[in-house]
C-alpha cells in the first residue's frame, strides 16, 4: 500500500456493526485547523435521535445551529442520517466529538 492510502482514519467496527473511532483517530490526518468540516451521523430512526445528536454536536461545536442539520431517511425509514458542516478548531475537538458520537448507543456510523 502506498503512503497516500495509509493516511485514512482507522475505524473499528463492533460485532453489532457499530463503528468506534480510536482515541487518536485524527493523529495522522492531514488537516489544517481551523477548517470546514462535514459530518454525517447515522442511526436508527427513533424520536430522540435528532435531539441527542444535536446535543452532542452542540457540546463540542457551540456555534452549530439546529437549522443547519439536514435529515435524510433510508428507503424504509428504519435509519436516519443527520448531516451538517462546521468549522473544526482543533484535532482534539474532532477526536472528542467522534469519540462521543461513536460511543453513543443510538449511533451506528459516523462519517
N, C-alpha and C. Protein backbone atom coordinates (compact mmCIF):
# COMPACT_ATOMS: atom_id res chain seq x y z
N UNK A 1 0.82 -1.18 0.00
CA UNK A 1 0.00 0.00 0.00
C UNK A 1 0.87 1.25 0.00
N UNK A 2 0.47 2.24 -0.73
CA UNK A 2 1.25 3.47 -0.76
C UNK A 2 1.00 4.27 0.50
N UNK A 3 1.92 5.20 0.81
CA UNK A 3 1.74 6.06 1.98
C UNK A 3 0.45 6.85 1.88
N UNK A 4 0.09 7.25 0.67
CA UNK A 4 -1.13 8.03 0.48
C UNK A 4 -2.36 7.25 0.93
N UNK A 5 -2.40 5.96 0.64
CA UNK A 5 -3.54 5.15 1.04
C UNK A 5 -3.55 4.87 2.53
N UNK A 6 -2.42 4.92 3.17
CA UNK A 6 -2.33 4.64 4.60
C UNK A 6 -2.72 5.82 5.47
N UNK A 7 -3.08 6.94 4.89
CA UNK A 7 -3.38 8.13 5.67
C UNK A 7 -4.83 8.20 6.11
N UNK A 8 -5.62 7.18 5.86
CA UNK A 8 -7.02 7.18 6.27
C UNK A 8 -7.15 7.02 7.77
N UNK A 9 -8.36 7.17 8.25
CA UNK A 9 -8.64 7.05 9.67
C UNK A 9 -9.01 5.60 9.96
N UNK A 10 -8.38 5.01 10.94
CA UNK A 10 -8.69 3.63 11.33
C UNK A 10 -9.94 3.62 12.18
N UNK A 11 -11.00 3.05 11.67
CA UNK A 11 -12.26 2.98 12.39
C UNK A 11 -12.52 1.52 12.73
N UNK A 12 -12.82 1.28 13.98
CA UNK A 12 -13.10 -0.07 14.44
C UNK A 12 -14.60 -0.35 14.30
N UNK A 13 -14.95 -1.59 13.99
CA UNK A 13 -16.36 -1.97 13.87
C UNK A 13 -16.65 -3.07 14.87
N UNK A 14 -17.64 -2.83 15.73
CA UNK A 14 -18.03 -3.82 16.73
C UNK A 14 -18.84 -4.94 16.09
N UNK A 15 -19.10 -5.98 16.86
CA UNK A 15 -19.86 -7.13 16.37
C UNK A 15 -21.25 -6.74 15.87
N UNK A 16 -21.85 -5.68 16.46
CA UNK A 16 -23.18 -5.26 16.03
C UNK A 16 -23.12 -4.23 14.90
N UNK A 17 -21.93 -4.12 14.26
CA UNK A 17 -21.69 -3.19 13.15
C UNK A 17 -21.70 -1.73 13.55
N UNK A 18 -21.55 -1.45 14.83
CA UNK A 18 -21.42 -0.07 15.30
C UNK A 18 -19.96 0.33 15.16
N UNK A 19 -19.74 1.53 14.65
CA UNK A 19 -18.36 1.99 14.47
C UNK A 19 -17.83 2.60 15.75
N UNK A 20 -16.52 2.48 15.93
CA UNK A 20 -15.83 3.09 17.06
C UNK A 20 -14.57 3.74 16.51
N UNK A 21 -14.32 4.96 16.93
CA UNK A 21 -13.14 5.68 16.49
C UNK A 21 -12.12 5.67 17.62
N UNK A 22 -10.90 5.22 17.34
CA UNK A 22 -9.87 5.19 18.38
C UNK A 22 -9.53 6.59 18.89
N UNK A 23 -8.97 6.67 20.08
CA UNK A 23 -8.65 7.95 20.72
C UNK A 23 -7.82 8.85 19.81
N UNK A 24 -6.89 8.30 19.07
CA UNK A 24 -6.01 9.11 18.23
C UNK A 24 -6.41 9.04 16.75
N UNK A 25 -7.69 9.00 16.47
CA UNK A 25 -8.19 8.80 15.11
C UNK A 25 -7.64 9.80 14.11
N UNK A 26 -7.46 11.03 14.51
CA UNK A 26 -7.02 12.05 13.57
C UNK A 26 -5.54 12.36 13.71
N UNK A 27 -4.81 11.51 14.43
CA UNK A 27 -3.39 11.76 14.70
C UNK A 27 -2.60 11.99 13.42
N UNK A 28 -2.80 11.17 12.41
CA UNK A 28 -2.03 11.28 11.17
C UNK A 28 -2.79 11.94 10.03
N UNK A 29 -4.01 12.40 10.33
CA UNK A 29 -4.78 13.06 9.28
C UNK A 29 -4.14 14.40 8.93
N UNK A 30 -4.13 14.71 7.68
CA UNK A 30 -3.51 15.94 7.22
C UNK A 30 -4.54 17.06 7.16
N UNK A 31 -5.03 17.45 8.32
CA UNK A 31 -5.98 18.54 8.42
C UNK A 31 -5.26 19.76 8.97
N UNK A 32 -5.61 20.91 8.46
CA UNK A 32 -5.07 22.15 8.99
C UNK A 32 -6.22 22.93 9.61
N UNK A 33 -6.07 23.25 10.87
CA UNK A 33 -7.14 23.90 11.61
C UNK A 33 -6.91 25.39 11.72
N UNK A 34 -8.00 26.16 11.77
CA UNK A 34 -9.39 25.74 11.60
C UNK A 34 -9.69 25.34 10.16
N UNK A 35 -10.69 24.47 10.00
CA UNK A 35 -11.07 24.02 8.66
C UNK A 35 -12.56 23.71 8.61
N UNK A 36 -13.13 23.85 7.42
CA UNK A 36 -14.51 23.49 7.18
C UNK A 36 -14.60 21.97 7.24
N UNK A 37 -15.56 21.45 7.99
CA UNK A 37 -15.62 20.00 8.18
C UNK A 37 -17.06 19.51 8.06
N UNK A 38 -17.32 18.58 7.13
CA UNK A 38 -18.65 17.98 7.04
C UNK A 38 -18.72 16.76 7.95
N UNK A 39 -19.88 16.53 8.51
CA UNK A 39 -20.06 15.33 9.34
C UNK A 39 -21.44 14.76 9.08
N UNK A 40 -21.52 13.45 9.09
CA UNK A 40 -22.77 12.75 8.88
C UNK A 40 -22.87 11.67 9.96
N UNK A 41 -23.99 11.66 10.66
CA UNK A 41 -24.20 10.71 11.76
C UNK A 41 -25.44 9.90 11.43
N UNK A 42 -25.30 8.58 11.44
CA UNK A 42 -26.41 7.71 11.10
C UNK A 42 -26.77 6.78 12.24
N UNK A 43 -28.06 6.53 12.39
CA UNK A 43 -28.53 5.64 13.43
C UNK A 43 -29.96 5.24 13.18
N UNK A 44 -30.52 4.52 14.12
CA UNK A 44 -31.92 4.11 13.99
C UNK A 44 -32.82 5.34 14.04
N UNK A 45 -33.88 5.31 13.27
CA UNK A 45 -34.83 6.41 13.22
C UNK A 45 -35.78 6.30 14.42
N UNK A 46 -35.34 6.86 15.53
CA UNK A 46 -36.16 6.90 16.75
C UNK A 46 -36.36 8.36 17.13
N UNK A 47 -37.44 8.66 17.87
CA UNK A 47 -37.76 10.06 18.18
C UNK A 47 -36.63 10.86 18.81
N UNK A 48 -35.83 10.26 19.65
CA UNK A 48 -34.79 11.01 20.38
C UNK A 48 -33.48 11.15 19.61
N UNK A 49 -33.36 10.55 18.42
CA UNK A 49 -32.09 10.55 17.70
C UNK A 49 -31.61 11.97 17.37
N UNK A 50 -32.46 12.77 16.72
CA UNK A 50 -32.02 14.10 16.30
C UNK A 50 -31.63 14.97 17.48
N UNK A 51 -32.42 15.00 18.55
CA UNK A 51 -32.09 15.82 19.71
C UNK A 51 -30.79 15.36 20.36
N UNK A 52 -30.62 14.06 20.48
CA UNK A 52 -29.41 13.51 21.10
C UNK A 52 -28.16 13.89 20.31
N UNK A 53 -28.22 13.73 18.99
CA UNK A 53 -27.06 14.05 18.16
C UNK A 53 -26.79 15.55 18.17
N UNK A 54 -27.85 16.35 18.09
CA UNK A 54 -27.65 17.80 18.15
C UNK A 54 -27.01 18.21 19.48
N UNK A 55 -27.46 17.64 20.57
CA UNK A 55 -26.88 17.97 21.89
C UNK A 55 -25.39 17.64 21.95
N UNK A 56 -25.00 16.50 21.39
CA UNK A 56 -23.58 16.13 21.37
C UNK A 56 -22.80 17.09 20.49
N UNK A 57 -23.33 17.39 19.30
CA UNK A 57 -22.66 18.35 18.41
C UNK A 57 -22.50 19.70 19.11
N UNK A 58 -23.56 20.18 19.74
CA UNK A 58 -23.55 21.49 20.39
C UNK A 58 -22.51 21.54 21.52
N UNK A 59 -22.34 20.44 22.21
CA UNK A 59 -21.36 20.36 23.29
C UNK A 59 -19.94 20.60 22.76
N UNK A 60 -19.64 20.04 21.61
CA UNK A 60 -18.30 20.12 21.04
C UNK A 60 -18.12 21.25 20.04
N UNK A 61 -19.23 21.69 19.46
CA UNK A 61 -19.20 22.76 18.45
C UNK A 61 -20.30 23.77 18.84
N UNK A 62 -20.01 24.64 19.79
CA UNK A 62 -21.05 25.54 20.32
C UNK A 62 -21.76 26.39 19.27
N UNK A 63 -21.10 26.69 18.17
CA UNK A 63 -21.73 27.55 17.16
C UNK A 63 -22.67 26.81 16.22
N UNK A 64 -22.75 25.48 16.31
CA UNK A 64 -23.64 24.73 15.43
C UNK A 64 -25.09 25.10 15.74
N UNK A 65 -25.90 25.20 14.67
CA UNK A 65 -27.30 25.56 14.83
C UNK A 65 -28.18 24.44 14.30
N UNK A 66 -29.27 24.20 15.01
CA UNK A 66 -30.18 23.12 14.63
C UNK A 66 -30.70 23.30 13.20
N UNK A 67 -30.93 24.54 12.78
CA UNK A 67 -31.46 24.80 11.45
C UNK A 67 -30.50 24.35 10.34
N UNK A 68 -29.22 24.13 10.68
CA UNK A 68 -28.24 23.70 9.70
C UNK A 68 -28.10 22.18 9.61
N UNK A 69 -28.84 21.45 10.42
CA UNK A 69 -28.85 19.99 10.34
C UNK A 69 -29.73 19.57 9.17
N UNK A 70 -29.23 18.67 8.35
CA UNK A 70 -30.01 18.11 7.25
C UNK A 70 -30.33 16.66 7.59
N UNK A 71 -31.59 16.32 7.47
CA UNK A 71 -32.06 14.98 7.83
C UNK A 71 -32.44 14.20 6.58
N UNK A 72 -32.02 12.95 6.54
CA UNK A 72 -32.41 12.05 5.45
C UNK A 72 -32.75 10.70 6.07
N UNK A 73 -33.59 9.96 5.38
CA UNK A 73 -34.03 8.66 5.89
C UNK A 73 -33.74 7.57 4.86
N UNK A 74 -33.55 6.37 5.37
CA UNK A 74 -33.37 5.22 4.48
C UNK A 74 -34.71 4.96 3.78
N UNK A 75 -34.68 4.15 2.73
CA UNK A 75 -35.88 3.88 1.93
C UNK A 75 -37.05 3.39 2.79
N UNK A 76 -36.76 2.54 3.76
CA UNK A 76 -37.83 2.01 4.61
C UNK A 76 -38.00 2.82 5.90
N UNK A 77 -37.26 3.93 6.02
CA UNK A 77 -37.31 4.84 7.17
C UNK A 77 -36.88 4.19 8.49
N UNK A 78 -36.13 3.11 8.39
CA UNK A 78 -35.62 2.47 9.60
C UNK A 78 -34.43 3.26 10.15
N UNK A 79 -33.65 3.89 9.26
CA UNK A 79 -32.46 4.65 9.66
C UNK A 79 -32.61 6.12 9.33
N UNK A 80 -31.91 6.92 10.11
CA UNK A 80 -31.92 8.36 9.94
C UNK A 80 -30.47 8.84 9.82
N UNK A 81 -30.25 9.83 8.98
CA UNK A 81 -28.93 10.41 8.82
C UNK A 81 -29.03 11.91 9.08
N UNK A 82 -28.14 12.44 9.91
CA UNK A 82 -28.07 13.87 10.17
C UNK A 82 -26.74 14.37 9.64
N UNK A 83 -26.80 15.44 8.84
CA UNK A 83 -25.58 15.98 8.24
C UNK A 83 -25.49 17.47 8.54
N UNK A 84 -24.26 17.94 8.71
CA UNK A 84 -24.01 19.36 8.85
C UNK A 84 -22.55 19.63 8.52
N UNK A 85 -22.21 20.90 8.45
CA UNK A 85 -20.82 21.35 8.26
C UNK A 85 -20.54 22.35 9.36
N UNK A 86 -19.30 22.39 9.80
CA UNK A 86 -18.90 23.37 10.80
C UNK A 86 -17.42 23.65 10.67
N UNK A 87 -16.96 24.64 11.37
CA UNK A 87 -15.54 24.96 11.36
C UNK A 87 -14.88 24.24 12.53
N UNK A 88 -14.09 23.24 12.20
CA UNK A 88 -13.35 22.49 13.23
C UNK A 88 -12.16 23.34 13.67
N UNK A 89 -11.98 23.45 14.98
CA UNK A 89 -10.94 24.31 15.52
C UNK A 89 -9.64 23.58 15.84
N UNK A 90 -9.73 22.27 16.14
CA UNK A 90 -8.52 21.55 16.53
C UNK A 90 -8.72 20.04 16.37
N UNK A 91 -7.62 19.35 16.35
CA UNK A 91 -7.62 17.89 16.30
C UNK A 91 -8.29 17.32 17.56
N UNK A 92 -8.04 17.94 18.69
CA UNK A 92 -8.63 17.48 19.95
C UNK A 92 -10.16 17.59 19.91
N UNK A 93 -10.65 18.68 19.35
CA UNK A 93 -12.09 18.86 19.22
C UNK A 93 -12.68 17.73 18.38
N UNK A 94 -12.04 17.42 17.26
CA UNK A 94 -12.54 16.37 16.38
C UNK A 94 -12.50 15.00 17.06
N UNK A 95 -11.39 14.70 17.73
CA UNK A 95 -11.27 13.42 18.42
C UNK A 95 -12.37 13.26 19.47
N UNK A 96 -12.59 14.30 20.27
CA UNK A 96 -13.60 14.23 21.32
C UNK A 96 -15.01 14.09 20.75
N UNK A 97 -15.30 14.83 19.70
CA UNK A 97 -16.61 14.75 19.06
C UNK A 97 -16.85 13.35 18.51
N UNK A 98 -15.91 12.83 17.75
CA UNK A 98 -16.07 11.50 17.17
C UNK A 98 -16.15 10.43 18.26
N UNK A 99 -15.37 10.57 19.29
CA UNK A 99 -15.39 9.58 20.37
C UNK A 99 -16.76 9.54 21.04
N UNK A 100 -17.32 10.71 21.34
CA UNK A 100 -18.63 10.72 22.00
C UNK A 100 -19.73 10.23 21.07
N UNK A 101 -19.70 10.66 19.82
CA UNK A 101 -20.73 10.20 18.88
C UNK A 101 -20.69 8.70 18.68
N UNK A 102 -19.51 8.16 18.43
CA UNK A 102 -19.42 6.72 18.13
C UNK A 102 -19.68 5.86 19.35
N UNK A 103 -19.54 6.42 20.54
CA UNK A 103 -19.79 5.65 21.76
C UNK A 103 -21.28 5.60 22.11
N UNK A 104 -22.06 6.48 21.50
CA UNK A 104 -23.48 6.55 21.87
C UNK A 104 -24.25 5.36 21.29
N UNK A 105 -25.14 4.79 22.09
CA UNK A 105 -25.88 3.59 21.69
C UNK A 105 -26.82 3.80 20.49
N UNK A 106 -27.26 5.03 20.25
CA UNK A 106 -28.14 5.29 19.10
C UNK A 106 -27.40 5.41 17.78
N UNK A 107 -26.09 5.62 17.83
CA UNK A 107 -25.31 5.88 16.63
C UNK A 107 -24.76 4.57 16.04
N UNK A 108 -24.96 4.42 14.74
CA UNK A 108 -24.41 3.25 14.04
C UNK A 108 -23.15 3.60 13.26
N UNK A 109 -23.14 4.78 12.59
CA UNK A 109 -21.98 5.18 11.79
C UNK A 109 -21.78 6.68 11.90
N UNK A 110 -20.52 7.08 11.82
CA UNK A 110 -20.18 8.50 11.74
C UNK A 110 -19.19 8.65 10.59
N UNK A 111 -19.52 9.53 9.67
CA UNK A 111 -18.64 9.80 8.53
C UNK A 111 -18.26 11.26 8.53
